[in-house]
Amino acid sequence: MDRWDILWHRVIQKTLPPVRDAAAVFKSEYDTTAYTLRGVGGRARDVDNQGGLLIAGQSGIGPGISPRRNTGSRLQVVSATPHHDLNTLLSKYAYTDDDGWTGGDSTYMRRLPDGRHVIMFSDTFLGSVRADGSRARNTPFISNSFVVVGTDGRMETVLSRTPDDQRRAVMPPHDGQFYWLGGSHVTSRNTLDVMFLRFTGDSRVVDDGGDFDAARLQAALTPGGNGELELQENVLVRFDARDLTRLDATPMPSESGVHWASWVEFDQRDNQTYVYGVMDHGLDKQMHIARVSGDDLRQPWEFADGAGGWSPRETDSAPIMSGVANEYSVARLNDEHFLLVTQDTSQPYSPDIMGYLSDSPTGPFTSPTLLYRTTESGPFGFYGDAETVVYNAHEQPDLRRGNEITLTYNLNSSVEGVLDESAKYRPNAVKVRVDLT
């Protein structure tokens, strides 16, 4: 860790200086200039490529999705630095809101039609953070939440409530089951459509918004501690984009066991919404892709079948590549390229955030490039804590500015770790300036 990273961590944890312009943190290409990269317009070099299963961090190609040319381009990282303003904004909110969000994971951001941004989290701490950075032992812990950032930079935690006004998760647990959230998109019907994963096998289903439960948190927060969890269903939940009122919940394809919530991306060029998922085999995590014509995920799905085609049967879904995380992002980078951002899971708890290019939203994703190496995890990381890990990095495309992309990643540690040091369970963001060569 260099001296600037050390200085940054000291600043964010101790003094929390004011953000110069909180609202400006969330300004993006939609508010300024269009996103371009040098190299746009250059003809992609055709490569004799059999396509297939690309193992992150390796060069081996095996059977998989249909043959498709390599883009012929490579990502180049011009600079990569902590996103001081965004990190400060999140930490300051955690310290200053007495009963709202103080930390969460997943960390998906979307721009709403009126210019606000919503940040969507899975497991979430509520309550307050003490002056020394710790959380109270009775801090509330729920399975999902929203934080809305207004156009003026003001932030608000959004939850659901019972008839007697008790706070619950945005999608509260029921019948011994709970929900984690994933990718989302804003539709032409002015709805925010979010994919959720419904699980059984965890004591967090009590979810009373109140007492701290060490056993519940141990399972939820310890890496690998969710081994008893079982995916029951992929669920689409629609919210009114104006006030985030929950409109309805619709069961989605769930027969194959794929977690269809890694990412959702509507591509205007072909009028398709792509749903990215993961088949989680523990150490081996495989990308799967589905699509829907238009932007309504309630319409029939098609699944990439590994032979260059699409099938209406989910059981025909085939792996596109291995080495991705449970959560990752795939978004159009420019006229010719799509950018995959994922944690490198070919090595357990790797600190490396990787970028891949493709000329198609379905891959193959090639030319792996190290975008950023995180500095917090492991016994030699910033915290000097072997139990602190980083995970599920992805891009926030709605925050792009020119050739600068914003990445976020989640932090986690032991139960005692996240209570004694609240920053160990709060996402961090980095700004990466990229070019194409």
Protein backbone atom coordinates (compact mmCIF):
# COMPACT_ATOMS: atom_id res chain seq x y z
CA MET A 1 0.00 0.00 0.00
CA ASP A 2 1.47 3.36 -1.00
CA ARG A 3 1.47 6.48 1.13
CA TRP A 4 -1.53 7.96 -0.65
CA ASP A 5 -3.65 4.91 0.10
CA ILE A 6 -2.55 5.05 3.73
CA LEU A 7 -3.37 8.75 3.91
CA TRP A 8 -6.73 8.09 2.31
CA HIS A 9 -7.69 5.43 4.82
CA ARG A 10 -6.69 7.69 7.69
CA VAL A 11 -8.76 10.51 6.27
CA ILE A 12 -11.85 8.45 5.62
CA GLN A 13 -11.86 6.70 8.98
CA LYS A 14 -10.84 9.57 11.25
CA THR A 15 -11.65 13.02 9.98
CA LEU A 16 -14.30 12.50 7.29
CA PRO A 17 -13.74 15.78 5.47
CA PRO A 18 -16.73 17.25 3.64
CA VAL A 19 -17.28 16.27 0.04
CA ARG A 20 -16.70 19.26 -2.20
CA ASP A 21 -20.00 18.77 -4.01
CA ALA A 22 -22.02 15.76 -2.93
CA ALA A 23 -24.44 16.01 -5.83
CA ALA A 24 -21.57 16.15 -8.30
CA VAL A 25 -20.32 12.75 -7.14
CA PHE A 26 -23.22 11.17 -9.01
CA LYS A 27 -23.04 13.26 -12.14
CA SER A 28 -22.18 11.12 -15.13
CA GLU A 29 -21.99 11.09 -18.87
CA TYR A 30 -25.74 11.64 -18.92
CA ASP A 31 -25.18 15.07 -17.41
CA THR A 32 -22.05 16.10 -19.33
CA THR A 33 -20.43 14.69 -22.45
CA ALA A 34 -20.88 11.42 -24.25
CA TYR A 35 -18.58 8.54 -23.36
CA THR A 36 -15.81 7.92 -25.85
CA LEU A 37 -12.47 6.17 -25.94
CA ARG A 38 -9.55 6.60 -28.25
CA GLY A 39 -9.66 3.70 -30.62
CA VAL A 40 -13.39 3.97 -31.27
CA GLY A 41 -14.04 3.48 -34.94
CA GLY A 42 -10.96 1.35 -35.48
CA ARG A 43 -11.73 -1.89 -37.26
CA ALA A 44 -11.52 -4.90 -34.97
CA ARG A 45 -8.85 -7.32 -36.11
CA ASP A 46 -10.29 -10.71 -37.07
CA VAL A 47 -8.81 -13.55 -35.09
CA ASP A 48 -9.16 -17.26 -35.77
CA ASN A 49 -10.89 -18.15 -32.52
CA GLN A 50 -12.72 -21.31 -31.61
CA GLY A 51 -14.52 -19.42 -28.87
CA GLY A 52 -15.35 -21.13 -25.65
CA LEU A 53 -14.75 -21.31 -21.97
CA LEU A 54 -12.25 -18.68 -20.92
CA ILE A 55 -10.70 -19.27 -17.53
CA ALA A 56 -10.01 -15.96 -15.85
CA GLY A 57 -6.30 -15.36 -15.54
CA GLN A 58 -5.45 -18.22 -17.90
CA SER A 59 -5.05 -18.47 -21.65
CA GLY A 60 -6.67 -21.85 -22.17
CA ILE A 61 -9.74 -22.05 -24.39
CA GLY A 62 -12.11 -24.97 -24.21
CA PRO A 63 -15.60 -25.96 -25.36
CA GLY A 64 -18.26 -23.38 -24.68
CA ILE A 65 -20.29 -20.75 -26.44
CA SER A 66 -20.24 -20.20 -30.18
CA PRO A 67 -17.14 -19.16 -32.14
CA ARG A 68 -16.83 -15.40 -32.37
CA ARG A 69 -13.92 -13.19 -33.28
CA ASN A 70 -11.67 -11.58 -30.70
CA THR A 71 -12.08 -7.81 -30.59
CA GLY A 72 -8.42 -7.28 -31.49
CA SER A 73 -8.27 -4.51 -28.89
CA ARG A 74 -6.88 -4.45 -25.39
CA LEU A 75 -7.72 -2.43 -22.33
CA GLN A 76 -5.02 -0.17 -20.98
CA VAL A 77 -5.26 1.30 -17.49
CA VAL A 78 -4.15 4.93 -17.54
CA SER A 79 -4.69 5.48 -13.81
CA ALA A 80 -6.52 3.86 -10.89
CA THR A 81 -7.17 5.67 -7.61
CA PRO A 82 -9.62 5.45 -4.71
CA HIS A 83 -12.80 7.40 -5.40
CA HIS A 84 -12.35 9.72 -2.44
CA ASP A 85 -15.58 11.67 -2.86
CA LEU A 86 -17.86 8.64 -3.21
CA ASN A 87 -16.15 6.75 -0.38
CA THR A 88 -16.37 9.80 1.86
CA LEU A 89 -20.02 10.30 1.00
CA LEU A 90 -20.91 6.73 2.01
CA SER A 91 -18.81 6.81 5.18
CA LYS A 92 -20.09 10.20 6.23
CA TYR A 93 -23.67 9.03 5.78
CA ALA A 94 -22.94 5.95 7.90
CA TYR A 95 -21.56 8.15 10.67
CA THR A 96 -24.22 10.85 10.62
CA ASP A 97 -27.54 9.04 10.13
CA ASP A 98 -28.67 7.76 13.52
CA ASP A 99 -30.92 4.94 12.32
CA GLY A 100 -30.21 4.41 8.63
CA TRP A 101 -27.69 2.47 6.56
CA THR A 102 -24.20 1.99 8.00
CA GLY A 103 -22.90 -0.70 5.67
CA GLY A 104 -23.93 -3.27 3.10
CA ASP A 105 -22.79 -5.44 0.24
CA SER A 106 -23.76 -6.14 -3.39
CA THR A 107 -23.72 -2.36 -4.08
CA TYR A 108 -25.63 -1.84 -7.32
CA MET A 109 -26.26 1.76 -8.42
CA ARG A 110 -28.82 2.97 -10.94
CA ARG A 111 -29.78 6.45 -12.11
CA LEU A 112 -33.51 7.13 -11.82
CA PRO A 113 -35.38 9.13 -14.49
CA ASP A 114 -35.59 12.25 -12.31
CA GLY A 115 -31.81 12.37 -11.81
CA ARG A 116 -31.64 10.74 -8.39
CA HIS A 117 -29.55 7.62 -7.87
CA VAL A 118 -30.50 4.53 -5.92
CA ILE A 119 -27.82 2.33 -4.36
CA MET A 120 -29.08 -1.19 -3.73
CA PHE A 121 -27.56 -3.41 -1.07
CA SER A 122 -27.98 -6.99 0.10
CA ASP A 123 -27.03 -7.75 3.74
CA THR A 124 -27.24 -4.41 5.52
CA PHE A 125 -26.40 -2.93 8.89
CA LEU A 126 -28.70 -0.19 10.17
CA GLY A 127 -28.41 2.02 13.22
CA SER A 128 -25.47 4.27 13.98
CA VAL A 129 -21.69 4.24 14.01
CA ARG A 130 -19.88 5.35 17.14
CA ALA A 131 -17.17 8.00 17.09
CA ASP A 132 -14.50 5.29 17.29
CA GLY A 133 -15.88 3.61 14.16
CA SER A 134 -17.56 0.68 15.91
CA ARG A 135 -21.13 -0.57 15.80
CA ALA A 136 -23.28 -1.40 18.81
CA ARG A 137 -23.80 -5.11 19.42
CA ASN A 138 -27.56 -4.70 19.06
CA THR A 139 -27.28 -3.02 15.67
CA PRO A 140 -30.06 -4.10 13.27
CA PHE A 141 -29.06 -6.41 10.43
CA ILE A 142 -31.35 -7.07 7.44
CA SER A 143 -30.97 -8.85 4.10
CA ASN A 144 -31.52 -5.97 1.65
CA SER A 145 -31.99 -2.20 1.51
CA PHE A 146 -31.95 0.86 -0.74
CA VAL A 147 -30.17 4.18 -0.23
CA VAL A 148 -31.38 7.07 -2.40
CA VAL A 149 -29.06 9.94 -3.30
CA GLY A 150 -30.99 13.06 -4.29
CA THR A 151 -29.95 15.52 -6.95
CA ASP A 152 -28.90 17.80 -4.08
CA GLY A 153 -26.65 15.08 -2.62
CA ARG A 154 -28.91 14.28 0.32
CA MET A 155 -29.17 10.60 1.19
CA GLU A 156 -32.02 8.52 2.60
CA THR A 157 -32.37 4.86 3.57
CA VAL A 158 -35.41 3.21 1.98
CA LEU A 159 -36.98 0.15 3.63
CA SER A 160 -40.38 -1.48 3.77
CA ARG A 161 -42.62 -1.15 6.81
CA THR A 162 -45.20 -3.30 8.54
CA PRO A 163 -48.73 -2.05 9.27
CA ASP A 164 -47.54 -1.10 12.77
CA ASP A 165 -44.65 0.91 11.22
CA GLN A 166 -41.83 -1.52 11.99
CA ARG A 167 -38.95 -1.34 9.52
CA ARG A 168 -38.15 -4.35 7.37
CA ALA A 169 -35.96 -5.13 4.39
CA VAL A 170 -37.09 -3.82 1.01
CA MET A 171 -38.01 -7.43 0.25
CA PRO A 172 -38.67 -8.80 3.73
CA PRO A 173 -38.25 -12.47 4.65
CA HIS A 174 -41.22 -14.78 5.01
CA ASP A 175 -41.95 -18.43 5.62
CA GLY A 176 -38.37 -19.22 6.58
CA GLN A 177 -36.91 -17.59 3.47
CA PHE A 178 -35.03 -14.37 2.73
CA TYR A 179 -33.87 -12.35 -0.28
CA TRP A 180 -30.58 -11.00 -1.59
CA LEU A 181 -30.74 -8.56 -4.49
CA GLY A 182 -28.75 -8.29 -7.69
CA GLY A 183 -28.71 -6.57 -11.06
CA SER A 184 -31.36 -4.09 -12.12
CA HIS A 185 -32.40 -1.68 -14.85
CA VAL A 186 -34.83 1.20 -15.32
CA THR A 187 -37.49 0.43 -17.92
CA SER A 188 -39.48 2.43 -20.44
CA ARG A 189 -42.48 1.97 -18.14
CA ASN A 190 -40.77 4.10 -15.47
CA THR A 191 -40.10 1.13 -13.23
CA LEU A 192 -36.94 -0.02 -11.50
CA ASP A 193 -36.78 -3.76 -12.13
CA VAL A 194 -34.51 -5.64 -9.73
CA MET A 195 -33.57 -9.31 -9.73
CA PHE A 196 -33.69 -10.97 -6.30
CA LEU A 197 -32.52 -14.39 -5.12
CA ARG A 198 -34.78 -16.21 -2.65
CA PHE A 199 -32.96 -18.50 -0.22
CA THR A 200 -33.71 -20.87 2.62
CA GLY A 201 -31.40 -22.23 5.28
CA ASP A 202 -30.42 -19.21 7.38
CA SER A 203 -31.60 -17.90 10.74
CA ARG A 204 -31.72 -14.31 9.45
CA VAL A 205 -35.35 -14.97 8.48
CA VAL A 206 -36.30 -13.60 11.90
CA ASP A 207 -35.31 -10.20 10.47
CA ASP A 208 -37.08 -8.23 13.17
CA GLY A 209 -35.00 -5.16 12.45
CA GLY A 210 -33.80 -5.24 16.01
CA ASP A 211 -31.62 -7.41 18.21
CA PHE A 212 -28.16 -8.47 17.18
CA ASP A 213 -27.82 -12.21 16.70
CA ALA A 214 -24.21 -13.41 16.70
CA ALA A 215 -25.05 -16.81 15.23
CA ARG A 216 -27.07 -15.23 12.43
CA LEU A 217 -24.29 -12.80 11.59
CA GLN A 218 -21.62 -15.48 11.78
CA ALA A 219 -23.36 -17.39 9.01
CA ALA A 220 -24.08 -14.29 6.98
CA LEU A 221 -20.75 -12.52 7.24
CA THR A 222 -18.12 -15.21 7.45
CA PRO A 223 -16.77 -16.06 3.98
CA GLY A 224 -18.00 -19.55 3.18
CA GLY A 225 -20.36 -19.42 6.15
CA ASN A 226 -23.45 -19.61 3.96
CA GLY A 227 -22.85 -23.22 2.98
CA GLU A 228 -26.27 -24.34 4.20
CA LEU A 229 -28.11 -21.81 2.06
CA GLU A 230 -30.20 -23.14 -0.81
CA LEU A 231 -31.44 -21.08 -3.74
CA GLN A 232 -35.19 -21.50 -4.06
CA GLU A 233 -36.08 -19.08 -6.80
CA ASN A 234 -35.01 -16.15 -8.95
CA VAL A 235 -37.56 -13.36 -8.53
CA LEU A 236 -38.13 -10.13 -10.46
CA VAL A 237 -39.34 -7.31 -8.21
CA ARG A 238 -40.62 -4.13 -9.82
CA PHE A 239 -40.57 -0.75 -8.10
CA ASP A 240 -42.12 2.54 -9.15
CA ALA A 241 -39.11 4.62 -10.23
CA ARG A 242 -40.74 7.78 -8.86
CA ASP A 243 -41.10 6.81 -5.20
CA LEU A 244 -39.65 3.25 -5.11
CA THR A 245 -42.96 1.76 -4.03
CA ARG A 246 -42.85 -2.00 -4.54
CA LEU A 247 -45.30 -2.87 -7.32
CA ASP A 248 -45.12 -6.65 -7.67
CA ALA A 249 -42.90 -9.72 -7.58
CA THR A 250 -42.78 -12.27 -10.39
CA PRO A 251 -41.07 -15.69 -10.34
CA MET A 252 -38.36 -15.97 -12.97
CA PRO A 253 -36.69 -19.04 -14.54
CA SER A 254 -35.12 -21.11 -11.76
CA GLU A 255 -34.98 -24.69 -12.98
CA SER A 256 -31.26 -24.88 -13.74
CA GLY A 257 -29.92 -23.61 -10.42
CA VAL A 258 -28.31 -20.56 -12.04
CA HIS A 259 -28.41 -17.42 -9.90
CA TRP A 260 -29.90 -15.02 -12.48
CA ALA A 261 -28.99 -11.82 -10.65
CA SER A 262 -25.34 -11.03 -11.36
CA TRP A 263 -26.17 -8.21 -13.76
CA VAL A 264 -28.98 -6.86 -15.95
CA GLU A 265 -28.25 -4.69 -18.99
CA PHE A 266 -30.56 -3.32 -21.68
CA ASP A 267 -28.81 -2.74 -24.99
CA GLN A 268 -30.56 -0.21 -27.20
CA ARG A 269 -28.68 -1.35 -30.29
CA ASP A 270 -30.49 -4.68 -30.50
CA ASN A 271 -33.44 -3.91 -28.18
CA GLN A 272 -32.55 -6.82 -25.92
CA THR A 273 -32.23 -7.02 -22.16
CA TYR A 274 -29.41 -9.34 -21.12
CA VAL A 275 -29.55 -11.13 -17.80
CA TYR A 276 -26.23 -12.39 -16.49
CA GLY A 277 -26.07 -15.16 -13.94
CA VAL A 278 -23.68 -17.49 -12.20
CA MET A 279 -23.67 -21.20 -11.60
CA ASP A 280 -21.95 -21.34 -8.24
CA HIS A 281 -19.99 -24.55 -7.69
CA GLY A 282 -18.03 -23.05 -4.82
CA LEU A 283 -14.51 -22.53 -6.10
CA ASP A 284 -15.71 -22.84 -9.69
CA LYS A 285 -18.14 -20.09 -10.71
CA GLN A 286 -19.45 -20.01 -14.27
CA MET A 287 -21.12 -17.20 -16.20
CA HIS A 288 -24.48 -17.88 -17.85
CA ILE A 289 -26.45 -15.48 -20.06
CA ALA A 290 -30.13 -15.09 -20.89
CA ARG A 291 -31.98 -12.43 -22.84
CA VAL A 292 -35.43 -10.95 -23.35
CA SER A 293 -36.68 -9.00 -26.34
CA GLY A 294 -37.41 -5.45 -25.22
CA ASP A 295 -36.96 -4.26 -21.65
CA ASP A 296 -39.64 -6.26 -19.82
CA LEU A 297 -38.14 -9.26 -18.03
CA ARG A 298 -41.61 -10.73 -17.58
CA GLN A 299 -41.55 -11.67 -21.26
CA PRO A 300 -40.19 -15.06 -22.41
CA TRP A 301 -36.50 -15.65 -21.78
CA GLU A 302 -33.96 -17.21 -24.14
CA PHE A 303 -30.76 -18.82 -22.95
CA ALA A 304 -27.31 -18.91 -24.55
CA ASP A 305 -26.85 -22.57 -25.40
CA GLY A 306 -23.10 -22.77 -25.92
CA ALA A 307 -23.43 -23.55 -29.62
CA GLY A 308 -23.97 -20.04 -30.92
CA GLY A 309 -27.72 -20.08 -30.52
CA TRP A 310 -30.49 -19.36 -28.06
CA SER A 311 -32.93 -21.79 -26.54
CA PRO A 312 -36.27 -21.19 -24.82
CA ARG A 313 -35.36 -23.93 -22.33
CA GLU A 314 -33.37 -22.88 -19.28
CA THR A 315 -31.89 -26.35 -18.98
CA ASP A 316 -30.08 -25.67 -22.28
CA SER A 317 -28.18 -22.76 -20.74
CA ALA A 318 -24.43 -23.38 -21.06
CA PRO A 319 -21.46 -21.77 -19.31
CA ILE A 320 -19.84 -18.86 -21.12
CA MET A 321 -16.71 -18.59 -18.98
CA SER A 322 -15.36 -19.50 -15.57
CA GLY A 323 -13.54 -17.42 -13.00
CA VAL A 324 -16.25 -14.79 -12.55
CA ALA A 325 -17.67 -13.71 -9.21
CA ASN A 326 -21.25 -14.14 -8.06
CA GLU A 327 -21.75 -10.47 -8.91
CA TYR A 328 -20.10 -8.79 -11.90
CA SER A 329 -20.99 -6.29 -14.62
CA VAL A 330 -21.25 -6.33 -18.40
CA ALA A 331 -21.97 -3.00 -20.10
CA ARG A 332 -21.41 -1.42 -23.48
CA LEU A 333 -18.12 0.46 -23.45
CA ASN A 334 -18.35 2.13 -26.87
CA ASP A 335 -19.70 1.44 -30.35
CA GLU A 336 -17.66 -1.73 -30.73
CA HIS A 337 -16.93 -3.14 -27.29
CA PHE A 338 -18.53 -4.48 -24.15
CA LEU A 339 -16.68 -4.40 -20.84
CA LEU A 340 -16.87 -7.22 -18.30
CA VAL A 341 -15.68 -6.29 -14.81
CA THR A 342 -15.32 -9.03 -12.22
CA GLN A 343 -13.30 -10.14 -9.26
CA ASP A 344 -10.85 -12.84 -10.28
CA THR A 345 -12.20 -15.97 -8.57
CA SER A 346 -9.71 -18.35 -10.16
CA GLN A 347 -7.82 -17.72 -6.91
CA PRO A 348 -9.82 -17.72 -3.66
CA TYR A 349 -10.35 -14.21 -2.27
CA SER A 350 -8.12 -12.64 -4.87
CA PRO A 351 -7.62 -8.88 -4.44
CA ASP A 352 -7.61 -8.38 -8.22
CA ILE A 353 -10.40 -6.69 -10.16
CA MET A 354 -10.23 -7.72 -13.81
CA GLY A 355 -11.58 -6.23 -17.02
CA TYR A 356 -12.35 -8.16 -20.23
CA LEU A 357 -13.42 -6.99 -23.68
CA SER A 358 -15.87 -8.45 -26.16
CA ASP A 359 -17.51 -7.26 -29.36
CA SER A 360 -20.75 -8.86 -28.18
CA PRO A 361 -22.77 -8.84 -24.95
CA THR A 362 -22.48 -12.63 -24.97
CA GLY A 363 -18.70 -12.89 -25.29
CA PRO A 364 -16.27 -14.42 -25.59
CA PHE A 365 -14.67 -12.04 -23.12
CA THR A 366 -10.96 -11.86 -23.82
CA SER A 367 -7.82 -9.81 -23.15
CA PRO A 368 -7.96 -9.96 -19.34
CA THR A 369 -6.55 -6.78 -17.82
CA LEU A 370 -5.87 -5.98 -14.18
CA LEU A 371 -7.95 -2.86 -13.49
CA TYR A 372 -7.20 -2.49 -9.79
CA ARG A 373 -5.59 -4.46 -6.99
CA THR A 374 -7.42 -3.85 -3.73
CA THR A 375 -5.37 -3.18 -0.60
CA GLU A 376 -7.58 -4.07 2.35
CA SER A 377 -7.69 -7.85 2.55
CA GLY A 378 -5.55 -10.41 4.32
CA PRO A 379 -2.91 -10.25 7.06
CA PHE A 380 -0.73 -7.91 4.98
CA GLY A 381 -3.57 -5.62 3.89
CA PHE A 382 -4.51 -2.26 5.34
CA TYR A 383 -6.31 -3.73 8.35
CA GLY A 384 -3.71 -6.40 9.03
CA ASP A 385 -6.60 -8.82 9.45
CA ALA A 386 -6.50 -12.28 7.89
CA GLU A 387 -10.30 -12.45 8.06
CA THR A 388 -10.92 -9.29 6.03
CA VAL A 389 -11.76 -10.03 2.40
CA VAL A 390 -12.94 -8.12 -0.66
CA TYR A 391 -15.46 -9.55 -3.11
CA ASN A 392 -18.02 -9.03 -5.89
CA ALA A 393 -16.46 -6.07 -7.67
CA HIS A 394 -18.23 -4.55 -10.65
CA GLU A 395 -18.63 -1.32 -12.57
CA GLN A 396 -21.23 1.38 -11.98
CA PRO A 397 -21.90 2.39 -15.62
CA ASP A 398 -24.29 5.19 -14.66
CA LEU A 399 -21.33 7.03 -13.09
CA ARG A 400 -19.08 7.02 -16.15
CA ARG A 401 -17.30 10.24 -17.06
CA GLY A 402 -15.39 10.31 -20.32
CA ASN A 403 -12.88 7.48 -20.22
CA GLU A 404 -13.15 7.18 -16.44
CA ILE A 405 -15.13 4.28 -14.99
CA THR A 406 -16.20 3.79 -11.39
CA LEU A 407 -15.75 0.37 -9.78
CA THR A 408 -17.08 -0.73 -6.41
CA TYR A 409 -16.17 -3.72 -4.31
CA ASN A 410 -17.42 -5.06 -0.99
CA LEU A 411 -15.53 -5.64 2.26
CA ASN A 412 -16.26 -8.29 4.85
CA SER A 413 -14.67 -9.76 7.96
CA SER A 414 -15.53 -11.70 11.10
CA VAL A 415 -18.50 -10.74 13.26
CA GLU A 416 -16.24 -9.07 15.79
CA GLY A 417 -14.35 -7.38 12.97
CA VAL A 418 -17.37 -5.70 11.39
CA LEU A 419 -18.69 -4.61 14.79
CA ASP A 420 -15.40 -3.21 16.06
CA GLU A 421 -14.49 -1.54 12.73
CA SER A 422 -17.58 -0.55 10.75
CA ALA A 423 -15.54 0.17 7.61
CA LYS A 424 -14.81 -3.55 7.30
CA TYR A 425 -18.41 -3.96 6.18
CA ARG A 426 -18.87 -1.03 3.83
CA PRO A 427 -18.14 -0.87 0.08
CA ASN A 428 -15.22 1.01 -1.41
CA ALA A 429 -15.07 2.67 -4.82
CA VAL A 430 -12.21 3.38 -7.20
CA LYS A 431 -11.88 5.52 -10.32
CA VAL A 432 -10.11 3.89 -13.24
CA ARG A 433 -9.17 5.76 -16.40
CA VAL A 434 -8.93 3.37 -19.32
CA ASP A 435 -7.91 3.45 -22.95
CA LEU A 436 -7.98 0.99 -25.82
CA THR A 437 -4.89 -0.11 -27.69
